[in-house]
Amino acid sequence: MRRFRDLIGAHLSDLGGEEACSEAELSIVRRAALLTLELEVLEAKFEAEDGASLKQLECYQRTANSLRRLLESVGLKRRPKDITPDLATYLATKRRQAEGIEAS
């Protein structure tokens, strides 16, 4: 139950807290937490048994797809990673490149 509560808390935090969520969103978050927990249980079982049967993999896949759809419905988004260097890093890189060219 502790992991279940932790998952709910993490999802609610991503959504701005419980007070920012509608009852429908809270319901979806609870279901998403339960599916996440069940997937973790299956993963542990696969590891303990050195693999999974086709039937187990099918169940895992269906559950993972259901989880994805639930998370999308409450705002799962792809977020691009910002790889832009800060100004100091950029200037240091340019300085090293210039020094390398001049040293040649």
Protein backbone atom coordinates (compact mmCIF):
# COMPACT_ATOMS: atom_id res chain seq x y z
CA MET A 1 0.00 0.00 0.00
CA ARG A 2 2.90 2.36 0.66
CA ARG A 3 4.15 2.15 -2.92
CA PHE A 4 0.59 2.65 -4.16
CA ARG A 5 0.23 5.84 -2.07
CA ASP A 6 3.67 7.04 -3.24
CA LEU A 7 2.67 6.56 -6.88
CA ILE A 8 -0.58 8.46 -6.36
CA GLY A 9 1.36 11.26 -4.68
CA ALA A 10 3.87 11.43 -7.53
CA HIS A 11 1.16 11.57 -10.19
CA LEU A 12 -0.80 14.20 -8.26
CA SER A 13 2.36 16.26 -7.85
CA ASP A 14 2.88 16.16 -11.63
CA LEU A 15 -0.66 17.50 -12.03
CA GLY A 16 -0.22 20.38 -9.60
CA GLY A 17 -1.48 18.69 -6.44
CA GLU A 18 -4.72 17.07 -5.37
CA GLU A 19 -6.50 20.40 -5.00
CA ALA A 20 -5.84 21.17 -8.69
CA CYS A 21 -7.44 17.90 -9.89
CA SER A 22 -11.03 17.06 -10.66
CA GLU A 23 -12.65 13.92 -9.27
CA ALA A 24 -12.31 12.30 -12.70
CA GLU A 25 -8.57 13.04 -12.75
CA LEU A 26 -8.21 11.66 -9.22
CA SER A 27 -9.96 8.49 -10.34
CA ILE A 28 -7.65 8.12 -13.33
CA VAL A 29 -4.60 8.74 -11.14
CA ARG A 30 -5.67 5.96 -8.75
CA ARG A 31 -6.13 3.53 -11.65
CA ALA A 32 -2.79 4.56 -13.17
CA ALA A 33 -1.05 3.99 -9.84
CA LEU A 34 -2.61 0.54 -9.52
CA LEU A 35 -1.59 -0.45 -13.06
CA THR A 36 1.94 0.85 -12.43
CA LEU A 37 2.14 -1.24 -9.29
CA GLU A 38 0.88 -4.35 -11.09
CA LEU A 39 3.42 -3.83 -13.88
CA GLU A 40 6.18 -3.59 -11.28
CA VAL A 41 4.99 -6.85 -9.73
CA LEU A 42 5.07 -8.53 -13.14
CA GLU A 43 8.56 -7.17 -13.82
CA ALA A 44 9.82 -8.59 -10.53
CA LYS A 45 8.21 -11.94 -11.42
CA PHE A 46 9.88 -11.93 -14.85
CA GLU A 47 13.23 -11.26 -13.22
CA ALA A 48 12.78 -13.99 -10.62
CA GLU A 49 11.74 -16.51 -13.26
CA ASP A 50 14.42 -15.46 -15.78
CA GLY A 51 11.86 -14.39 -18.34
CA ALA A 52 8.20 -14.49 -19.14
CA SER A 53 5.84 -16.66 -21.10
CA LEU A 54 4.08 -15.31 -24.16
CA LYS A 55 0.83 -15.15 -22.18
CA GLN A 56 2.55 -13.15 -19.42
CA LEU A 57 4.11 -10.79 -21.97
CA GLU A 58 0.72 -10.26 -23.61
CA CYS A 59 -0.81 -9.39 -20.24
CA TYR A 60 2.09 -7.04 -19.51
CA GLN A 61 1.74 -5.34 -22.88
CA ARG A 62 -2.02 -4.84 -22.51
CA THR A 63 -1.56 -3.42 -19.03
CA ALA A 64 1.25 -1.10 -20.16
CA ASN A 65 -0.89 0.17 -23.04
CA SER A 66 -3.82 0.77 -20.70
CA LEU A 67 -1.52 2.68 -18.36
CA ARG A 68 -0.23 4.82 -21.23
CA ARG A 69 -3.77 5.72 -22.26
CA LEU A 70 -4.72 6.66 -18.70
CA LEU A 71 -1.63 8.82 -18.32
CA GLU A 72 -2.27 10.51 -21.66
CA SER A 73 -5.79 11.36 -20.56
CA VAL A 74 -4.47 13.27 -17.53
CA GLY A 75 -1.78 15.05 -19.48
CA LEU A 76 1.16 12.77 -20.22
CA LYS A 77 3.33 14.86 -22.53
CA ARG A 78 6.61 14.46 -24.28
CA ARG A 79 8.95 17.18 -23.15
CA PRO A 80 12.02 17.97 -25.22
CA LYS A 81 15.22 18.05 -23.22
CA ASP A 82 16.91 21.44 -23.30
CA ILE A 83 20.50 20.83 -24.40
CA THR A 84 21.34 24.51 -24.90
CA PRO A 85 24.51 25.27 -22.93
CA ASP A 86 24.54 28.18 -20.52
CA LEU A 87 26.47 31.27 -21.62
CA ALA A 88 29.60 30.48 -19.59
CA THR A 89 29.84 26.95 -21.01
CA TYR A 90 29.28 28.21 -24.55
CA LEU A 91 31.97 30.89 -24.25
CA ALA A 92 34.45 28.45 -22.68
CA THR A 93 33.88 25.98 -25.53
CA LYS A 94 34.38 28.71 -28.14
CA ARG A 95 37.54 29.87 -26.38
CA ARG A 96 38.96 26.30 -26.34
CA GLN A 97 38.10 25.87 -30.01
CA ALA A 98 39.79 29.16 -30.90
CA GLU A 99 42.88 28.24 -28.89
CA GLY A 100 43.01 24.87 -30.63
CA ILE A 101 42.87 26.51 -34.05
CA GLU A 102 45.57 29.06 -33.14
CA ALA A 103 47.83 26.34 -31.69
CA SER A 104 47.81 24.44 -35.01
